[in-house]
């Protein structure tokens, strides 16, 4: 045999539950904060990369002053959206490689 598929990998979702249940049952510390925060940061980095046409590091993304949703802390159900259409009804779009330090 020249090649064969590797053995089946365990289900990562089940492994996550197994580890959590083991920690609860055996009174072990269990903290997913770092992994969750880094996963969230990576999604923001992907958005920044796609919208600016640049490669972003953890440090650059964390220090970047851009707001993905300006004034999000002031949003209300009856207030304006954070991004509005222009006079022609068009919304701003990313311009990767042209607008290199912000989304729109």
PDB file of N, CA and C in Angstrom:
ATOM      1  N   UNK A   1       0.846  -1.176   0.000  1.00  0.00           N
ATOM      2  CA  UNK A   1       0.000   0.000   0.000  1.00  0.00           C
ATOM      3  C   UNK A   1       0.893   1.242   0.000  1.00  0.00           C
ATOM      4  N   UNK A   2       0.628   2.153  -0.923  1.00  0.00           N
ATOM      5  CA  UNK A   2       1.424   3.365  -1.052  1.00  0.00           C
ATOM      6  C   UNK A   2       0.975   4.428  -0.055  1.00  0.00           C
ATOM      7  N   UNK A   3      -0.324   4.548   0.148  1.00  0.00           N
ATOM      8  CA  UNK A   3      -0.860   5.587   1.031  1.00  0.00           C
ATOM      9  C   UNK A   3      -2.141   5.094   1.668  1.00  0.00           C
ATOM     10  N   UNK A   4      -2.380   5.543   2.861  1.00  0.00           N
ATOM     11  CA  UNK A   4      -3.678   5.283   3.492  1.00  0.00           C
ATOM     12  C   UNK A   4      -4.036   6.480   4.355  1.00  0.00           C
ATOM     13  N   UNK A   5      -5.307   6.678   4.535  1.00  0.00           N
ATOM     14  CA  UNK A   5      -5.789   7.804   5.336  1.00  0.00           C
ATOM     15  C   UNK A   5      -5.383   7.611   6.788  1.00  0.00           C
ATOM     16  N   UNK A   6      -5.067   8.693   7.467  1.00  0.00           N
ATOM     17  CA  UNK A   6      -4.745   8.563   8.887  1.00  0.00           C
ATOM     18  C   UNK A   6      -5.977   8.116   9.666  1.00  0.00           C
ATOM     19  N   UNK A   7      -5.726   7.659  10.875  1.00  0.00           N
ATOM     20  CA  UNK A   7      -6.857   7.209  11.682  1.00  0.00           C
ATOM     21  C   UNK A   7      -7.817   8.362  11.902  1.00  0.00           C
ATOM     22  N   UNK A   8      -9.057   8.037  12.165  1.00  0.00           N
ATOM     23  CA  UNK A   8     -10.083   9.049  12.356  1.00  0.00           C
ATOM     24  C   UNK A   8      -9.748   9.906  13.580  1.00  0.00           C
ATOM     25  N   UNK A   9      -9.852  11.212  13.407  1.00  0.00           N
ATOM     26  CA  UNK A   9      -9.573  12.129  14.510  1.00  0.00           C
ATOM     27  C   UNK A   9     -10.787  12.206  15.428  1.00  0.00           C
ATOM     28  N   UNK A  10     -10.540  12.409  16.727  1.00  0.00           N
ATOM     29  CA  UNK A  10     -11.665  12.541  17.649  1.00  0.00           C
ATOM     30  C   UNK A  10     -12.462  13.816  17.366  1.00  0.00           C
ATOM     31  N   UNK A  11     -13.714  13.820  17.721  1.00  0.00           N
ATOM     32  CA  UNK A  11     -14.594  14.970  17.537  1.00  0.00           C
ATOM     33  C   UNK A  11     -14.156  16.083  18.502  1.00  0.00           C
ATOM     34  N   UNK A  12     -13.716  17.248  18.003  1.00  0.00           N
ATOM     35  CA  UNK A  12     -13.230  18.301  18.890  1.00  0.00           C
ATOM     36  C   UNK A  12     -14.309  18.832  19.836  1.00  0.00           C
ATOM     37  N   UNK A  13     -15.562  18.812  19.394  1.00  0.00           N
ATOM     38  CA  UNK A  13     -16.652  19.276  20.253  1.00  0.00           C
ATOM     39  C   UNK A  13     -16.856  18.330  21.429  1.00  0.00           C
ATOM     40  N   UNK A  14     -16.743  17.032  21.159  1.00  0.00           N
ATOM     41  CA  UNK A  14     -16.871  16.061  22.235  1.00  0.00           C
ATOM     42  C   UNK A  14     -15.685  16.158  23.189  1.00  0.00           C
ATOM     43  N   UNK A  15     -14.483  16.346  22.638  1.00  0.00           N
ATOM     44  CA  UNK A  15     -13.293  16.507  23.492  1.00  0.00           C
ATOM     45  C   UNK A  15     -13.444  17.707  24.422  1.00  0.00           C
ATOM     46  N   UNK A  16     -14.003  18.783  23.900  1.00  0.00           N
ATOM     47  CA  UNK A  16     -14.215  19.982  24.704  1.00  0.00           C
ATOM     48  C   UNK A  16     -15.131  19.669  25.895  1.00  0.00           C
ATOM     49  N   UNK A  17     -16.221  18.941  25.627  1.00  0.00           N
ATOM     50  CA  UNK A  17     -17.147  18.567  26.704  1.00  0.00           C
ATOM     51  C   UNK A  17     -16.500  17.576  27.664  1.00  0.00           C
ATOM     52  N   UNK A  18     -15.743  16.635  27.132  1.00  0.00           N
ATOM     53  CA  UNK A  18     -15.064  15.656  27.994  1.00  0.00           C
ATOM     54  C   UNK A  18     -14.132  16.353  28.978  1.00  0.00           C
ATOM     55  N   UNK A  19     -13.380  17.323  28.480  1.00  0.00           N
ATOM     56  CA  UNK A  19     -12.436  18.048  29.342  1.00  0.00           C
ATOM     57  C   UNK A  19     -13.165  18.884  30.391  1.00  0.00           C
ATOM     58  N   UNK A  20     -14.258  19.527  29.986  1.00  0.00           N
ATOM     59  CA  UNK A  20     -15.031  20.323  30.931  1.00  0.00           C
ATOM     60  C   UNK A  20     -15.631  19.438  32.025  1.00  0.00           C
ATOM     61  N   UNK A  21     -16.237  18.325  31.626  1.00  0.00           N
ATOM     62  CA  UNK A  21     -16.848  17.420  32.607  1.00  0.00           C
ATOM     63  C   UNK A  21     -15.797  16.823  33.546  1.00  0.00           C
ATOM     64  N   UNK A  22     -14.626  16.510  33.008  1.00  0.00           N
ATOM     65  CA  UNK A  22     -13.545  15.973  33.838  1.00  0.00           C
ATOM     66  C   UNK A  22     -13.120  17.016  34.882  1.00  0.00           C
ATOM     67  N   UNK A  23     -13.009  18.273  34.451  1.00  0.00           N
ATOM     68  CA  UNK A  23     -12.618  19.340  35.380  1.00  0.00           C
ATOM     69  C   UNK A  23     -13.663  19.507  36.478  1.00  0.00           C
ATOM     70  N   UNK A  24     -14.934  19.460  36.111  1.00  0.00           N
ATOM     71  CA  UNK A  24     -16.002  19.617  37.114  1.00  0.00           C
ATOM     72  C   UNK A  24     -16.003  18.441  38.083  1.00  0.00           C
ATOM     73  N   UNK A  25     -15.974  17.239  37.533  1.00  0.00           N
ATOM     74  CA  UNK A  25     -16.053  16.046  38.374  1.00  0.00           C
ATOM     75  C   UNK A  25     -14.845  15.887  39.299  1.00  0.00           C
ATOM     76  N   UNK A  26     -13.681  16.335  38.846  1.00  0.00           N
ATOM     77  CA  UNK A  26     -12.460  16.135  39.618  1.00  0.00           C
ATOM     78  C   UNK A  26     -11.924  17.425  40.245  1.00  0.00           C
ATOM     79  N   UNK A  27     -12.779  18.450  40.265  1.00  0.00           N
ATOM     80  CA  UNK A  27     -12.435  19.723  40.895  1.00  0.00           C
ATOM     81  C   UNK A  27     -11.093  20.270  40.396  1.00  0.00           C
ATOM     82  N   UNK A  28     -10.908  20.224  39.064  1.00  0.00           N
ATOM     83  CA  UNK A  28      -9.692  20.740  38.435  1.00  0.00           C
ATOM     84  C   UNK A  28      -9.968  22.128  37.869  1.00  0.00           C
ATOM     85  N   UNK A  29      -8.968  22.989  37.858  1.00  0.00           N
ATOM     86  CA  UNK A  29      -9.179  24.293  37.218  1.00  0.00           C
ATOM     87  C   UNK A  29      -9.404  24.110  35.712  1.00  0.00           C
ATOM     88  N   UNK A  30     -10.304  24.900  35.161  1.00  0.00           N
ATOM     89  CA  UNK A  30     -10.603  24.830  33.728  1.00  0.00           C
ATOM     90  C   UNK A  30     -10.910  26.247  33.263  1.00  0.00           C
ATOM     91  N   UNK A  31     -10.110  26.765  32.370  1.00  0.00           N
ATOM     92  CA  UNK A  31     -10.282  28.137  31.935  1.00  0.00           C
ATOM     93  C   UNK A  31     -10.069  28.225  30.432  1.00  0.00           C
ATOM     94  N   UNK A  32     -11.090  28.635  29.719  1.00  0.00           N
ATOM     95  CA  UNK A  32     -11.034  28.757  28.257  1.00  0.00           C
ATOM     96  C   UNK A  32     -10.902  30.213  27.809  1.00  0.00           C
ATOM     97  N   UNK A  33     -10.666  31.116  28.760  1.00  0.00           N
ATOM     98  CA  UNK A  33     -10.662  32.542  28.438  1.00  0.00           C
ATOM     99  C   UNK A  33      -9.600  32.893  27.408  1.00  0.00           C
ATOM    100  N   UNK A  34      -8.361  32.468  27.613  1.00  0.00           N
ATOM    101  CA  UNK A  34      -7.275  32.824  26.687  1.00  0.00           C
ATOM    102  C   UNK A  34      -7.583  32.307  25.282  1.00  0.00           C
ATOM    103  N   UNK A  35      -7.986  31.056  25.180  1.00  0.00           N
ATOM    104  CA  UNK A  35      -8.282  30.474  23.874  1.00  0.00           C
ATOM    105  C   UNK A  35      -9.451  31.205  23.205  1.00  0.00           C
ATOM    106  N   UNK A  36     -10.483  31.518  23.976  1.00  0.00           N
ATOM    107  CA  UNK A  36     -11.635  32.228  23.423  1.00  0.00           C
ATOM    108  C   UNK A  36     -11.301  33.637  22.984  1.00  0.00           C
ATOM    109  N   UNK A  37     -10.520  34.337  23.801  1.00  0.00           N
ATOM    110  CA  UNK A  37     -10.132  35.712  23.456  1.00  0.00           C
ATOM    111  C   UNK A  37      -9.252  35.728  22.206  1.00  0.00           C
ATOM    112  N   UNK A  38      -8.316  34.783  22.128  1.00  0.00           N
ATOM    113  CA  UNK A  38      -7.444  34.734  20.951  1.00  0.00           C
ATOM    114  C   UNK A  38      -8.225  34.338  19.701  1.00  0.00           C
ATOM    115  N   UNK A  39      -9.199  33.460  19.834  1.00  0.00           N
ATOM    116  CA  UNK A  39     -10.024  33.082  18.682  1.00  0.00           C
ATOM    117  C   UNK A  39     -10.812  34.292  18.183  1.00  0.00           C
ATOM    118  N   UNK A  40     -11.334  35.080  19.102  1.00  0.00           N
ATOM    119  CA  UNK A  40     -12.072  36.285  18.726  1.00  0.00           C
ATOM    120  C   UNK A  40     -11.151  37.298  18.050  1.00  0.00           C
ATOM    121  N   UNK A  41      -9.946  37.451  18.590  1.00  0.00           N
ATOM    122  CA  UNK A  41      -8.977  38.373  17.994  1.00  0.00           C
ATOM    123  C   UNK A  41      -8.615  37.933  16.572  1.00  0.00           C
ATOM    124  N   UNK A  42      -8.449  36.642  16.371  1.00  0.00           N
ATOM    125  CA  UNK A  42      -8.104  36.140  15.037  1.00  0.00           C
ATOM    126  C   UNK A  42      -9.218  36.455  14.035  1.00  0.00           C
ATOM    127  N   UNK A  43     -10.482  36.374  14.459  1.00  0.00           N
ATOM    128  CA  UNK A  43     -11.571  36.721  13.534  1.00  0.00           C
ATOM    129  C   UNK A  43     -11.517  38.206  13.178  1.00  0.00           C
ATOM    130  N   UNK A  44     -11.198  39.055  14.164  1.00  0.00           N
ATOM    131  CA  UNK A  44     -11.062  40.484  13.888  1.00  0.00           C
ATOM    132  C   UNK A  44      -9.884  40.730  12.944  1.00  0.00           C
ATOM    133  N   UNK A  45      -8.796  39.997  13.140  1.00  0.00           N
ATOM    134  CA  UNK A  45      -7.630  40.132  12.263  1.00  0.00           C
ATOM    135  C   UNK A  45      -7.981  39.718  10.832  1.00  0.00           C
ATOM    136  N   UNK A  46      -8.784  38.684  10.691  1.00  0.00           N
ATOM    137  CA  UNK A  46      -9.212  38.250   9.363  1.00  0.00           C
ATOM    138  C   UNK A  46     -10.028  39.320   8.665  1.00  0.00           C
ATOM    139  N   UNK A  47     -10.923  39.928   9.430  1.00  0.00           N
ATOM    140  CA  UNK A  47     -11.739  41.008   8.863  1.00  0.00           C
ATOM    141  C   UNK A  47     -10.847  42.179   8.472  1.00  0.00           C
ATOM    142  N   UNK A  48      -9.929  42.562   9.353  1.00  0.00           N
ATOM    143  CA  UNK A  48      -9.004  43.654   9.030  1.00  0.00           C
ATOM    144  C   UNK A  48      -8.187  43.327   7.784  1.00  0.00           C
ATOM    145  N   UNK A  49      -7.685  42.116   7.696  1.00  0.00           N
ATOM    146  CA  UNK A  49      -6.875  41.716   6.544  1.00  0.00           C
ATOM    147  C   UNK A  49      -7.686  41.771   5.254  1.00  0.00           C
ATOM    148  N   UNK A  50      -8.905  41.235   5.303  1.00  0.00           N
ATOM    149  CA  UNK A  50      -9.745  41.215   4.107  1.00  0.00           C
ATOM    150  C   UNK A  50     -10.140  42.622   3.668  1.00  0.00           C
ATOM    151  N   UNK A  51     -10.394  43.500   4.627  1.00  0.00           N
ATOM    152  CA  UNK A  51     -10.873  44.838   4.300  1.00  0.00           C
ATOM    153  C   UNK A  51      -9.772  45.833   3.995  1.00  0.00           C
ATOM    154  N   UNK A  52      -8.540  45.555   4.441  1.00  0.00           N
ATOM    155  CA  UNK A  52      -7.455  46.511   4.200  1.00  0.00           C
ATOM    156  C   UNK A  52      -6.396  45.996   3.232  1.00  0.00           C
ATOM    157  N   UNK A  53      -6.390  44.693   2.965  1.00  0.00           N
ATOM    158  CA  UNK A  53      -5.379  44.125   2.087  1.00  0.00           C
ATOM    159  C   UNK A  53      -4.017  44.029   2.743  1.00  0.00           C
ATOM    160  N   UNK A  54      -3.986  44.010   4.088  1.00  0.00           N
ATOM    161  CA  UNK A  54      -2.727  43.936   4.836  1.00  0.00           C
ATOM    162  C   UNK A  54      -2.690  42.700   5.710  1.00  0.00           C
ATOM    163  N   UNK A  55      -1.491  42.309   6.079  1.00  0.00           N
ATOM    164  CA  UNK A  55      -1.294  41.253   7.074  1.00  0.00           C
ATOM    165  C   UNK A  55      -1.279  41.926   8.439  1.00  0.00           C
ATOM    166  N   UNK A  56      -1.962  41.340   9.417  1.00  0.00           N
ATOM    167  CA  UNK A  56      -2.035  41.907  10.760  1.00  0.00           C
ATOM    168  C   UNK A  56      -1.476  40.930  11.771  1.00  0.00           C
ATOM    169  N   UNK A  57      -0.734  41.447  12.740  1.00  0.00           N
ATOM    170  CA  UNK A  57      -0.241  40.631  13.855  1.00  0.00           C
ATOM    171  C   UNK A  57      -1.177  40.831  15.047  1.00  0.00           C
ATOM    172  N   UNK A  58      -1.061  39.945  16.036  1.00  0.00           N
ATOM    173  CA  UNK A  58      -1.830  40.113  17.268  1.00  0.00           C
ATOM    174  C   UNK A  58      -1.610  41.525  17.816  1.00  0.00           C
ATOM    175  N   UNK A  59      -0.339  41.913  17.923  1.00  0.00           N
ATOM    176  CA  UNK A  59       0.017  43.209  18.521  1.00  0.00           C
ATOM    177  C   UNK A  59      -0.597  44.361  17.735  1.00  0.00           C
ATOM    178  N   UNK A  60      -0.477  44.334  16.423  1.00  0.00           N
ATOM    179  CA  UNK A  60      -1.038  45.411  15.600  1.00  0.00           C
ATOM    180  C   UNK A  60      -2.555  45.493  15.761  1.00  0.00           C
ATOM    181  N   UNK A  61      -3.214  44.359  15.758  1.00  0.00           N
ATOM    182  CA  UNK A  61      -4.674  44.353  15.881  1.00  0.00           C
ATOM    183  C   UNK A  61      -5.109  44.873  17.249  1.00  0.00           C
ATOM    184  N   UNK A  62      -4.395  44.475  18.297  1.00  0.00           N
ATOM    185  CA  UNK A  62      -4.749  44.921  19.637  1.00  0.00           C
ATOM    186  C   UNK A  62      -4.518  46.423  19.821  1.00  0.00           C
ATOM    187  N   UNK A  63      -3.526  46.976  19.138  1.00  0.00           N
ATOM    188  CA  UNK A  63      -3.197  48.390  19.285  1.00  0.00           C
ATOM    189  C   UNK A  63      -3.908  49.287  18.277  1.00  0.00           C
ATOM    190  N   UNK A  64      -4.617  48.692  17.314  1.00  0.00           N
ATOM    191  CA  UNK A  64      -5.293  49.453  16.275  1.00  0.00           C
ATOM    192  C   UNK A  64      -6.482  50.206  16.868  1.00  0.00           C
ATOM    193  N   UNK A  65      -6.658  51.457  16.479  1.00  0.00           N
ATOM    194  CA  UNK A  65      -7.702  52.289  17.074  1.00  0.00           C
ATOM    195  C   UNK A  65      -9.026  52.247  16.322  1.00  0.00           C
ATOM    196  N   UNK A  66      -9.102  51.532  15.232  1.00  0.00           N
ATOM    197  CA  UNK A  66     -10.332  51.456  14.445  1.00  0.00           C
ATOM    198  C   UNK A  66     -11.466  50.831  15.244  1.00  0.00           C
ATOM    199  N   UNK A  67     -12.675  51.383  15.083  1.00  0.00           N
ATOM    200  CA  UNK A  67     -13.860  50.803  15.700  1.00  0.00           C
ATOM    201  C   UNK A  67     -14.666  50.107  14.612  1.00  0.00           C
ATOM    202  N   UNK A  68     -14.945  48.799  14.805  1.00  0.00           N
ATOM    203  CA  UNK A  68     -15.734  48.071  13.816  1.00  0.00           C
ATOM    204  C   UNK A  68     -17.178  48.574  13.779  1.00  0.00           C
ATOM    205  N   UNK A  69     -17.688  49.001  14.900  1.00  0.00           N
ATOM    206  CA  UNK A  69     -19.045  49.553  14.970  1.00  0.00           C
ATOM    207  C   UNK A  69     -18.969  50.835  15.802  1.00  0.00           C
ATOM    208  N   UNK A  70     -18.741  51.966  15.159  1.00  0.00           N
ATOM    209  CA  UNK A  70     -18.600  53.224  15.893  1.00  0.00           C
ATOM    210  C   UNK A  70     -19.810  53.501  16.788  1.00  0.00           C
ATOM    211  N   UNK A  71     -19.541  53.946  17.997  1.00  0.00           N
ATOM    212  CA  UNK A  71     -20.575  54.308  18.966  1.00  0.00           C
ATOM    213  C   UNK A  71     -21.517  53.161  19.315  1.00  0.00           C
ATOM    214  N   UNK A  72     -21.020  51.942  19.254  1.00  0.00           N
ATOM    215  CA  UNK A  72     -21.854  50.778  19.555  1.00  0.00           C
ATOM    216  C   UNK A  72     -22.436  50.861  20.969  1.00  0.00           C
ATOM    217  N   UNK A  73     -21.733  51.531  21.872  1.00  0.00           N
ATOM    218  CA  UNK A  73     -22.226  51.664  23.245  1.00  0.00           C
ATOM    219  C   UNK A  73     -23.447  52.573  23.344  1.00  0.00           C
ATOM    220  N   UNK A  74     -23.748  53.317  22.279  1.00  0.00           N
ATOM    221  CA  UNK A  74     -24.901  54.215  22.279  1.00  0.00           C
ATOM    222  C   UNK A  74     -26.050  53.715  21.415  1.00  0.00           C
ATOM    223  N   UNK A  75     -25.948  52.499  20.876  1.00  0.00           N
ATOM    224  CA  UNK A  75     -27.006  51.974  20.010  1.00  0.00           C
ATOM    225  C   UNK A  75     -28.303  51.764  20.789  1.00  0.00           C
ATOM    226  N   UNK A  76     -29.409  52.094  20.139  1.00  0.00           N
ATOM    227  CA  UNK A  76     -30.731  51.830  20.699  1.00  0.00           C
ATOM    228  C   UNK A  76     -31.591  51.225  19.600  1.00  0.00           C
ATOM    229  N   UNK A  77     -32.694  50.608  19.976  1.00  0.00           N
ATOM    230  CA  UNK A  77     -33.569  49.985  18.984  1.00  0.00           C
ATOM    231  C   UNK A  77     -34.144  50.994  17.994  1.00  0.00           C
ATOM    232  N   UNK A  78     -34.381  52.208  18.432  1.00  0.00           N
ATOM    233  CA  UNK A  78     -34.978  53.204  17.538  1.00  0.00           C
ATOM    234  C   UNK A  78     -33.965  54.222  17.013  1.00  0.00           C
ATOM    235  N   UNK A  79     -32.678  53.999  17.254  1.00  0.00           N
ATOM    236  CA  UNK A  79     -31.641  54.920  16.799  1.00  0.00           C
ATOM    237  C   UNK A  79     -31.077  54.518  15.441  1.00  0.00           C
ATOM    238  N   UNK A  80     -30.188  55.344  14.908  1.00  0.00           N
ATOM    239  CA  UNK A  80     -29.593  55.046  13.601  1.00  0.00           C
ATOM    240  C   UNK A  80     -28.594  53.880  13.670  1.00  0.00           C
ATOM    241  N   UNK A  81     -28.395  53.234  12.550  1.00  0.00           N
ATOM    242  CA  UNK A  81     -27.413  52.149  12.443  1.00  0.00           C
ATOM    243  C   UNK A  81     -26.009  52.754  12.492  1.00  0.00           C
ATOM    244  N   UNK A  82     -25.006  51.951  12.888  1.00  0.00           N
ATOM    245  CA  UNK A  82     -23.646  52.501  12.953  1.00  0.00           C
ATOM    246  C   UNK A  82     -23.061  52.848  11.587  1.00  0.00           C
ATOM    247  N   UNK A  83     -23.536  52.214  10.526  1.00  0.00           N
ATOM    248  CA  UNK A  83     -23.082  52.532   9.171  1.00  0.00           C
ATOM    249  C   UNK A  83     -24.323  52.884   8.357  1.00  0.00           C
ATOM    250  N   UNK A  84     -24.297  54.048   7.736  1.00  0.00           N
ATOM    251  CA  UNK A  84     -25.458  54.535   6.990  1.00  0.00           C
ATOM    252  C   UNK A  84     -25.163  54.642   5.498  1.00  0.00           C
ATOM    253  N   UNK A  85     -26.201  54.573   4.710  1.00  0.00           N
ATOM    254  CA  UNK A  85     -26.075  54.735   3.264  1.00  0.00           C
ATOM    255  C   UNK A  85     -25.830  56.202   2.940  1.00  0.00           C
ATOM    256  N   UNK A  86     -25.195  56.442   1.779  1.00  0.00           N
ATOM    257  CA  UNK A  86     -24.984  57.820   1.344  1.00  0.00           C
ATOM    258  C   UNK A  86     -26.251  58.346   0.663  1.00  0.00           C
ATOM    259  N   UNK A  87     -26.163  59.532   0.068  1.00  0.00           N
ATOM    260  CA  UNK A  87     -27.345  60.153  -0.546  1.00  0.00           C
ATOM    261  C   UNK A  87     -27.921  59.317  -1.693  1.00  0.00           C
ATOM    262  N   UNK A  88     -27.099  58.436  -2.289  1.00  0.00           N
ATOM    263  CA  UNK A  88     -27.563  57.585  -3.388  1.00  0.00           C
ATOM    264  C   UNK A  88     -28.042  56.222  -2.896  1.00  0.00           C
ATOM    265  N   UNK A  89     -28.069  56.039  -1.573  1.00  0.00           N
ATOM    266  CA  UNK A  89     -28.527  54.768  -1.014  1.00  0.00           C
ATOM    267  C   UNK A  89     -27.460  53.678  -1.001  1.00  0.00           C
ATOM    268  N   UNK A  90     -26.216  54.060  -1.227  1.00  0.00           N
ATOM    269  CA  UNK A  90     -25.126  53.078  -1.247  1.00  0.00           C
ATOM    270  C   UNK A  90     -24.370  53.116   0.071  1.00  0.00           C
ATOM    271  N   UNK A  91     -24.021  51.921   0.530  1.00  0.00           N
ATOM    272  CA  UNK A  91     -23.255  51.797   1.763  1.00  0.00           C
ATOM    273  C   UNK A  91     -21.765  51.756   1.450  1.00  0.00           C
ATOM    274  N   UNK A  92     -20.928  52.200   2.380  1.00  0.00           N
ATOM    275  CA  UNK A  92     -19.484  52.134   2.134  1.00  0.00           C
ATOM    276  C   UNK A  92     -19.032  50.681   2.021  1.00  0.00           C
ATOM    277  N   UNK A  93     -18.058  50.448   1.171  1.00  0.00           N
ATOM    278  CA  UNK A  93     -17.517  49.099   0.991  1.00  0.00           C
ATOM    279  C   UNK A  93     -16.012  49.135   1.223  1.00  0.00           C
ATOM    280  N   UNK A  94     -15.451  48.036   1.660  1.00  0.00           N
ATOM    281  CA  UNK A  94     -13.999  47.976   1.848  1.00  0.00           C
ATOM    282  C   UNK A  94     -13.274  48.173   0.518  1.00  0.00           C
ATOM    283  N   UNK A  95     -12.087  48.707   0.576  1.00  0.00           N
ATOM    284  CA  UNK A  95     -11.250  48.887  -0.607  1.00  0.00           C
ATOM    285  C   UNK A  95      -9.857  48.358  -0.267  1.00  0.00           C
ATOM    286  N   UNK A  96      -9.702  47.017  -0.235  1.00  0.00           N
ATOM    287  CA  UNK A  96      -8.411  46.428   0.159  1.00  0.00           C
ATOM    288  C   UNK A  96      -7.261  46.964  -0.697  1.00  0.00           C
ATOM    289  N   UNK A  97      -6.182  47.336  -0.034  1.00  0.00           N
ATOM    290  CA  UNK A  97      -5.014  47.849  -0.732  1.00  0.00           C
ATOM    291  C   UNK A  97      -5.086  49.329  -1.007  1.00  0.00           C
ATOM    292  N   UNK A  98      -6.284  49.907  -0.971  1.00  0.00           N
ATOM    293  CA  UNK A  98      -6.447  51.353  -1.197  1.00  0.00           C
ATOM    294  C   UNK A  98      -6.598  52.049   0.149  1.00  0.00           C
ATOM    295  N   UNK A  99      -7.599  51.592   0.911  1.00  0.00           N
ATOM    296  CA  UNK A  99      -7.764  52.069   2.298  1.00  0.00           C
ATOM    297  C   UNK A  99      -7.091  51.028   3.173  1.00  0.00           C
ATOM    298  N   UNK A 100      -5.854  51.298   3.574  1.00  0.00           N
ATOM    299  CA  UNK A 100      -5.044  50.271   4.216  1.00  0.00           C
ATOM    300  C   UNK A 100      -5.047  50.310   5.744  1.00  0.00           C
ATOM    301  N   UNK A 101      -5.654  51.344   6.331  1.00  0.00           N
ATOM    302  CA  UNK A 101      -5.635  51.406   7.794  1.00  0.00           C
ATOM    303  C   UNK A 101      -7.028  51.438   8.404  1.00  0.00           C
ATOM    304  N   UNK A 102      -8.053  51.266   7.589  1.00  0.00           N
ATOM    305  CA  UNK A 102      -9.420  51.234   8.079  1.00  0.00           C
ATOM    306  C   UNK A 102     -10.269  50.408   7.129  1.00  0.00           C
ATOM    307  N   UNK A 103     -11.492  50.134   7.534  1.00  0.00           N
ATOM    308  CA  UNK A 103     -12.359  49.298   6.698  1.00  0.00           C
ATOM    309  C   UNK A 103     -12.963  50.030   5.524  1.00  0.00           C
ATOM    310  N   UNK A 104     -13.539  51.199   5.787  1.00  0.00           N
ATOM    311  CA  UNK A 104     -14.299  51.897   4.753  1.00  0.00           C
ATOM    312  C   UNK A 104     -13.686  53.244   4.433  1.00  0.00           C
TER     313      UNK A 104
END
